[in-house]
Amino acid sequence: MTAVISLEARMDLLSECVNIGLGRAAEALNRMCDSHVRLSAPEIRVMNRPTLTAATAGRCPSLCEGVFLPFVGPMMGMTALAFAHGDAAQLVAGLTAAMGIENPSEAMRDDTLREVGNVILVGVLGAMGTMLGLHVTYQPLSTAKSLDPLLAVADSCRTVTLYVRAHFTLERFMVAGDILVVLAQDGFDALMAAIDAAILDQAG
């Protein structure tokens, strides 16, 4: 008889993976800027393409600082770290100030945001890969002033989106960002199968 695994149990394990990844990312950012950084993910949802459009419509065009990381492997798709302009500026200002840089150039600002995106996105996907045995290969990182690159991937094939609302605490700053992971349907099915296997293994 096949065990029935609830959506709640699946989301609990997925949340555990994401939070472990965010914890590792926070440690890396701590070392990068020699300042305490805390990351938390109070909201994780699974959405289809129309729901993704509705969710981003409420935050665009204000949400238009995006770092994008495509990946291939058992899970194939793209992940993005996105901020409202003000939050991105505040985060970069806090990080560069912690590194002793008071007036960063535009190029340094972009590099800092890209590095933050790389650390967080690789941290989250890496934790999922380690815990669930779904290792992926990362493609070149890019940035944009909108979520169009992610939405284009979502349009290109049948996809499912993991939406993570993350909060960043850096000294006195409270900054909110969105982590979105767009997976091809086959990749999402592989993720769910790996989660189910991990839950059954823990129960056994």
C-alpha atoms as a PDB file:
ATOM      1  CA  MET A   1       0.000   0.000   0.000  1.00  0.00           C
ATOM      2  CA  THR A   2       1.446   3.377  -1.053  1.00  0.00           C
ATOM      3  CA  ALA A   3       1.787   5.939   1.740  1.00  0.00           C
ATOM      4  CA  VAL A   4      -0.139   9.160   1.257  1.00  0.00           C
ATOM      5  CA  ILE A   5       2.018  12.186   2.015  1.00  0.00           C
ATOM      6  CA  SER A   6       0.215  15.412   2.790  1.00  0.00           C
ATOM      7  CA  LEU A   7       0.946  18.731   1.110  1.00  0.00           C
ATOM      8  CA  GLU A   8       1.660  20.134   4.573  1.00  0.00           C
ATOM      9  CA  ALA A   9       4.401  17.552   5.167  1.00  0.00           C
ATOM     10  CA  ARG A  10       5.907  18.318   1.770  1.00  0.00           C
ATOM     11  CA  MET A  11       5.882  22.063   2.419  1.00  0.00           C
ATOM     12  CA  ASP A  12       7.404  21.566   5.874  1.00  0.00           C
ATOM     13  CA  LEU A  13      10.394  19.729   4.400  1.00  0.00           C
ATOM     14  CA  LEU A  14      10.691  22.237   1.563  1.00  0.00           C
ATOM     15  CA  SER A  15      10.662  25.057   4.133  1.00  0.00           C
ATOM     16  CA  GLU A  16      13.391  23.268   6.070  1.00  0.00           C
ATOM     17  CA  CYS A  17      15.534  23.042   2.925  1.00  0.00           C
ATOM     18  CA  VAL A  18      15.003  26.735   2.117  1.00  0.00           C
ATOM     19  CA  ASN A  19      15.749  27.884   5.654  1.00  0.00           C
ATOM     20  CA  ILE A  20      18.943  25.813   5.830  1.00  0.00           C
ATOM     21  CA  GLY A  21      19.997  27.361   2.523  1.00  0.00           C
ATOM     22  CA  LEU A  22      19.209  30.856   3.790  1.00  0.00           C
ATOM     23  CA  GLY A  23      21.171  30.149   6.968  1.00  0.00           C
ATOM     24  CA  ARG A  24      24.227  29.152   4.932  1.00  0.00           C
ATOM     25  CA  ALA A  25      23.794  32.218   2.731  1.00  0.00           C
ATOM     26  CA  ALA A  26      23.616  34.455   5.804  1.00  0.00           C
ATOM     27  CA  GLU A  27      26.887  32.967   7.090  1.00  0.00           C
ATOM     28  CA  ALA A  28      28.536  33.653   3.727  1.00  0.00           C
ATOM     29  CA  LEU A  29      27.245  37.241   3.700  1.00  0.00           C
ATOM     30  CA  ASN A  30      28.478  37.676   7.282  1.00  0.00           C
ATOM     31  CA  ARG A  31      31.981  36.775   6.118  1.00  0.00           C
ATOM     32  CA  MET A  32      31.683  38.907   2.994  1.00  0.00           C
ATOM     33  CA  CYS A  33      30.832  42.135   4.804  1.00  0.00           C
ATOM     34  CA  ASP A  34      32.054  41.374   8.348  1.00  0.00           C
ATOM     35  CA  SER A  35      28.623  42.308   9.640  1.00  0.00           C
ATOM     36  CA  HIS A  36      25.764  40.282  11.108  1.00  0.00           C
ATOM     37  CA  VAL A  37      23.197  39.234   8.516  1.00  0.00           C
ATOM     38  CA  ARG A  38      20.077  37.240   9.261  1.00  0.00           C
ATOM     39  CA  LEU A  39      17.792  35.727   6.605  1.00  0.00           C
ATOM     40  CA  SER A  40      14.402  34.176   7.173  1.00  0.00           C
ATOM     41  CA  ALA A  41      11.637  32.858   4.923  1.00  0.00           C
ATOM     42  CA  PRO A  42       8.228  33.455   6.512  1.00  0.00           C
ATOM     43  CA  GLU A  43       6.269  32.523   3.377  1.00  0.00           C
ATOM     44  CA  ILE A  44       6.694  29.743   0.824  1.00  0.00           C
ATOM     45  CA  ARG A  45       4.079  28.969  -1.818  1.00  0.00           C
ATOM     46  CA  VAL A  46       3.780  26.816  -4.927  1.00  0.00           C
ATOM     47  CA  MET A  47       2.205  28.666  -7.848  1.00  0.00           C
ATOM     48  CA  ASN A  48       1.347  28.068 -11.469  1.00  0.00           C
ATOM     49  CA  ARG A  49       2.004  30.586 -14.246  1.00  0.00           C
ATOM     50  CA  PRO A  50      -1.252  32.633 -13.918  1.00  0.00           C
ATOM     51  CA  THR A  51      -0.766  32.898 -10.147  1.00  0.00           C
ATOM     52  CA  LEU A  52       2.836  33.996 -10.675  1.00  0.00           C
ATOM     53  CA  THR A  53       1.662  36.728 -13.012  1.00  0.00           C
ATOM     54  CA  ALA A  54      -0.856  37.959 -10.440  1.00  0.00           C
ATOM     55  CA  ALA A  55       1.714  37.865  -7.629  1.00  0.00           C
ATOM     56  CA  THR A  56       4.312  39.821  -9.572  1.00  0.00           C
ATOM     57  CA  ALA A  57       1.746  42.274 -10.948  1.00  0.00           C
ATOM     58  CA  GLY A  58       1.130  43.494  -7.415  1.00  0.00           C
ATOM     59  CA  ARG A  59       4.837  44.229  -6.952  1.00  0.00           C
ATOM     60  CA  CYS A  60       5.832  45.408 -10.438  1.00  0.00           C
ATOM     61  CA  PRO A  61       6.972  47.844 -11.668  1.00  0.00           C
ATOM     62  CA  SER A  62       8.201  48.695  -8.152  1.00  0.00           C
ATOM     63  CA  LEU A  63       9.867  45.280  -7.897  1.00  0.00           C
ATOM     64  CA  CYS A  64      12.448  45.652 -10.626  1.00  0.00           C
ATOM     65  CA  GLU A  65      15.892  44.805  -9.308  1.00  0.00           C
ATOM     66  CA  GLY A  66      16.416  41.170 -10.231  1.00  0.00           C
ATOM     67  CA  VAL A  67      19.348  38.750 -10.141  1.00  0.00           C
ATOM     68  CA  PHE A  68      18.708  35.666 -12.286  1.00  0.00           C
ATOM     69  CA  LEU A  69      20.393  32.263 -12.131  1.00  0.00           C
ATOM     70  CA  PRO A  70      19.427  29.557 -14.667  1.00  0.00           C
ATOM     71  CA  PHE A  71      20.214  25.942 -13.817  1.00  0.00           C
ATOM     72  CA  VAL A  72      20.013  22.497 -15.416  1.00  0.00           C
ATOM     73  CA  GLY A  73      19.916  18.970 -14.037  1.00  0.00           C
ATOM     74  CA  PRO A  74      17.155  16.857 -12.457  1.00  0.00           C
ATOM     75  CA  MET A  75      15.490  20.177 -11.764  1.00  0.00           C
ATOM     76  CA  MET A  76      15.710  22.543 -14.729  1.00  0.00           C
ATOM     77  CA  GLY A  77      14.653  26.172 -14.717  1.00  0.00           C
ATOM     78  CA  MET A  78      15.614  29.567 -13.361  1.00  0.00           C
ATOM     79  CA  THR A  79      15.733  31.148  -9.946  1.00  0.00           C
ATOM     80  CA  ALA A  80      15.631  34.862  -9.187  1.00  0.00           C
ATOM     81  CA  LEU A  81      16.247  37.164  -6.256  1.00  0.00           C
ATOM     82  CA  ALA A  82      14.153  40.300  -6.658  1.00  0.00           C
ATOM     83  CA  PHE A  83      13.867  43.548  -4.711  1.00  0.00           C
ATOM     84  CA  ALA A  84      11.982  46.788  -4.891  1.00  0.00           C
ATOM     85  CA  HIS A  85      14.368  49.591  -5.887  1.00  0.00           C
ATOM     86  CA  GLY A  86      14.391  51.076  -2.397  1.00  0.00           C
ATOM     87  CA  ASP A  87      15.111  47.769  -0.694  1.00  0.00           C
ATOM     88  CA  ALA A  88      17.913  46.955  -3.133  1.00  0.00           C
ATOM     89  CA  ALA A  89      19.503  50.372  -2.557  1.00  0.00           C
ATOM     90  CA  GLN A  90      19.204  49.975   1.219  1.00  0.00           C
ATOM     91  CA  LEU A  91      20.692  46.490   1.203  1.00  0.00           C
ATOM     92  CA  VAL A  92      23.636  47.496  -1.000  1.00  0.00           C
ATOM     93  CA  ALA A  93      24.259  50.638   1.068  1.00  0.00           C
ATOM     94  CA  GLY A  94      24.326  48.598   4.261  1.00  0.00           C
ATOM     95  CA  LEU A  95      26.635  45.947   2.837  1.00  0.00           C
ATOM     96  CA  THR A  96      29.095  48.378   1.273  1.00  0.00           C
ATOM     97  CA  ALA A  97      29.129  50.544   4.416  1.00  0.00           C
ATOM     98  CA  ALA A  98      29.950  47.431   6.441  1.00  0.00           C
ATOM     99  CA  MET A  99      32.913  46.923   4.090  1.00  0.00           C
ATOM    100  CA  GLY A 100      34.046  50.512   4.687  1.00  0.00           C
ATOM    101  CA  ILE A 101      32.811  51.863   1.333  1.00  0.00           C
ATOM    102  CA  GLU A 102      30.633  54.943   1.790  1.00  0.00           C
ATOM    103  CA  ASN A 103      30.010  56.025  -1.809  1.00  0.00           C
ATOM    104  CA  PRO A 104      30.001  52.957  -4.070  1.00  0.00           C
ATOM    105  CA  SER A 105      30.060  53.444  -7.829  1.00  0.00           C
ATOM    106  CA  GLU A 106      27.176  52.186  -9.950  1.00  0.00           C
ATOM    107  CA  ALA A 107      29.344  49.299 -11.133  1.00  0.00           C
ATOM    108  CA  MET A 108      30.205  48.366  -7.535  1.00  0.00           C
ATOM    109  CA  ARG A 109      26.541  48.621  -6.588  1.00  0.00           C
ATOM    110  CA  ASP A 110      25.592  46.191  -9.372  1.00  0.00           C
ATOM    111  CA  ASP A 111      28.437  43.844  -8.474  1.00  0.00           C
ATOM    112  CA  THR A 112      27.363  43.837  -4.820  1.00  0.00           C
ATOM    113  CA  LEU A 113      23.750  43.048  -5.663  1.00  0.00           C
ATOM    114  CA  ARG A 114      24.866  40.334  -8.078  1.00  0.00           C
ATOM    115  CA  GLU A 115      27.096  38.778  -5.416  1.00  0.00           C
ATOM    116  CA  VAL A 116      24.262  38.843  -2.864  1.00  0.00           C
ATOM    117  CA  GLY A 117      22.011  37.154  -5.406  1.00  0.00           C
ATOM    118  CA  ASN A 118      24.619  34.533  -6.194  1.00  0.00           C
ATOM    119  CA  VAL A 119      25.231  33.706  -2.519  1.00  0.00           C
ATOM    120  CA  ILE A 120      21.542  33.442  -1.645  1.00  0.00           C
ATOM    121  CA  LEU A 121      20.313  31.631  -4.741  1.00  0.00           C
ATOM    122  CA  VAL A 122      23.153  29.099  -4.777  1.00  0.00           C
ATOM    123  CA  GLY A 123      22.703  28.658  -1.023  1.00  0.00           C
ATOM    124  CA  VAL A 124      19.026  27.775  -1.362  1.00  0.00           C
ATOM    125  CA  LEU A 125      19.386  25.513  -4.407  1.00  0.00           C
ATOM    126  CA  GLY A 126      22.484  23.914  -2.925  1.00  0.00           C
ATOM    127  CA  ALA A 127      20.655  23.046   0.298  1.00  0.00           C
ATOM    128  CA  MET A 128      17.802  21.510  -1.686  1.00  0.00           C
ATOM    129  CA  GLY A 129      20.308  19.521  -3.722  1.00  0.00           C
ATOM    130  CA  THR A 130      22.198  18.270  -0.661  1.00  0.00           C
ATOM    131  CA  MET A 131      19.109  17.321   1.344  1.00  0.00           C
ATOM    132  CA  LEU A 132      17.158  15.811  -1.529  1.00  0.00           C
ATOM    133  CA  GLY A 133      19.872  14.488  -3.838  1.00  0.00           C
ATOM    134  CA  LEU A 134      18.910  16.809  -6.695  1.00  0.00           C
ATOM    135  CA  HIS A 135      22.153  18.505  -7.662  1.00  0.00           C
ATOM    136  CA  VAL A 136      22.017  21.063 -10.451  1.00  0.00           C
ATOM    137  CA  THR A 137      24.525  22.833 -12.697  1.00  0.00           C
ATOM    138  CA  TYR A 138      24.394  26.623 -12.640  1.00  0.00           C
ATOM    139  CA  GLN A 139      24.420  28.749 -15.781  1.00  0.00           C
ATOM    140  CA  PRO A 140      25.811  32.328 -16.019  1.00  0.00           C
ATOM    141  CA  LEU A 141      24.220  34.861 -13.667  1.00  0.00           C
ATOM    142  CA  SER A 142      22.456  37.959 -15.039  1.00  0.00           C
ATOM    143  CA  THR A 143      20.633  41.041 -13.747  1.00  0.00           C
ATOM    144  CA  ALA A 144      17.669  43.052 -15.015  1.00  0.00           C
ATOM    145  CA  LYS A 145      15.406  45.906 -13.989  1.00  0.00           C
ATOM    146  CA  SER A 146      12.285  43.755 -14.200  1.00  0.00           C
ATOM    147  CA  LEU A 147      11.183  40.148 -13.771  1.00  0.00           C
ATOM    148  CA  ASP A 148      10.860  39.681 -17.547  1.00  0.00           C
ATOM    149  CA  PRO A 149      13.678  37.072 -17.822  1.00  0.00           C
ATOM    150  CA  LEU A 150      11.924  34.868 -15.255  1.00  0.00           C
ATOM    151  CA  LEU A 151       8.482  35.345 -16.794  1.00  0.00           C
ATOM    152  CA  ALA A 152       9.920  34.443 -20.212  1.00  0.00           C
ATOM    153  CA  VAL A 153      11.140  31.117 -18.822  1.00  0.00           C
ATOM    154  CA  ALA A 154       7.738  30.556 -17.219  1.00  0.00           C
ATOM    155  CA  ASP A 155       6.127  31.159 -20.627  1.00  0.00           C
ATOM    156  CA  SER A 156       8.473  28.894 -22.536  1.00  0.00           C
ATOM    157  CA  CYS A 157       7.160  25.565 -21.218  1.00  0.00           C
ATOM    158  CA  ARG A 158       4.896  24.045 -18.605  1.00  0.00           C
ATOM    159  CA  THR A 159       6.324  25.362 -15.368  1.00  0.00           C
ATOM    160  CA  VAL A 160       5.643  25.525 -11.659  1.00  0.00           C
ATOM    161  CA  THR A 161       6.965  28.317  -9.455  1.00  0.00           C
ATOM    162  CA  LEU A 162       8.193  28.157  -5.875  1.00  0.00           C
ATOM    163  CA  TYR A 163       7.664  31.571  -4.335  1.00  0.00           C
ATOM    164  CA  VAL A 164       9.680  32.431  -1.214  1.00  0.00           C
ATOM    165  CA  ARG A 165       9.184  35.724   0.596  1.00  0.00           C
ATOM    166  CA  ALA A 166      12.438  36.328   2.448  1.00  0.00           C
ATOM    167  CA  HIS A 167      13.421  38.954   4.999  1.00  0.00           C
ATOM    168  CA  PHE A 168      16.961  40.266   5.395  1.00  0.00           C
ATOM    169  CA  THR A 169      18.220  41.802   8.609  1.00  0.00           C
ATOM    170  CA  LEU A 170      21.487  43.704   8.290  1.00  0.00           C
ATOM    171  CA  GLU A 171      22.376  45.699  11.390  1.00  0.00           C
ATOM    172  CA  ARG A 172      19.585  48.273  11.628  1.00  0.00           C
ATOM    173  CA  PHE A 173      18.144  47.599   8.154  1.00  0.00           C
ATOM    174  CA  MET A 174      15.090  45.468   7.479  1.00  0.00           C
ATOM    175  CA  VAL A 175      14.889  44.594   3.796  1.00  0.00           C
ATOM    176  CA  ALA A 176      12.427  42.271   2.047  1.00  0.00           C
ATOM    177  CA  GLY A 177      13.125  40.327  -1.111  1.00  0.00           C
ATOM    178  CA  ASP A 178      11.475  37.636  -3.189  1.00  0.00           C
ATOM    179  CA  ILE A 179      13.105  34.360  -4.186  1.00  0.00           C
ATOM    180  CA  LEU A 180      11.333  32.746  -7.130  1.00  0.00           C
ATOM    181  CA  VAL A 181      12.250  29.356  -8.539  1.00  0.00           C
ATOM    182  CA  VAL A 182      10.636  28.477 -11.874  1.00  0.00           C
ATOM    183  CA  LEU A 183      10.847  24.763 -12.602  1.00  0.00           C
ATOM    184  CA  ALA A 184       9.875  22.828 -15.698  1.00  0.00           C
ATOM    185  CA  GLN A 185       7.032  20.448 -14.827  1.00  0.00           C
ATOM    186  CA  ASP A 186       9.365  17.428 -15.006  1.00  0.00           C
ATOM    187  CA  GLY A 187      11.731  19.169 -12.593  1.00  0.00           C
ATOM    188  CA  PHE A 188       8.920  19.944 -10.168  1.00  0.00           C
ATOM    189  CA  ASP A 189       7.769  16.325 -10.333  1.00  0.00           C
ATOM    190  CA  ALA A 190      11.352  15.226  -9.563  1.00  0.00           C
ATOM    191  CA  LEU A 191      11.440  17.644  -6.609  1.00  0.00           C
ATOM    192  CA  MET A 192       8.167  16.305  -5.194  1.00  0.00           C
ATOM    193  CA  ALA A 193       9.331  12.706  -5.651  1.00  0.00           C
ATOM    194  CA  ALA A 194      12.595  13.475  -3.833  1.00  0.00           C
ATOM    195  CA  ILE A 195      10.698  15.196  -1.002  1.00  0.00           C
ATOM    196  CA  ASP A 196       8.349  12.214  -0.671  1.00  0.00           C
ATOM    197  CA  ALA A 197      11.315   9.813  -0.594  1.00  0.00           C
ATOM    198  CA  ALA A 198      13.023  11.909   2.099  1.00  0.00           C
ATOM    199  CA  ILE A 199       9.851  12.009   4.223  1.00  0.00           C
ATOM    200  CA  LEU A 200       9.372   8.249   3.936  1.00  0.00           C
ATOM    201  CA  ASP A 201      13.047   7.691   4.781  1.00  0.00           C
ATOM    202  CA  GLN A 202      12.710   9.851   7.900  1.00  0.00           C
ATOM    203  CA  ALA A 203       9.533   8.002   8.913  1.00  0.00           C
ATOM    204  CA  GLY A 204      11.178   4.626   8.383  1.00  0.00           C
END
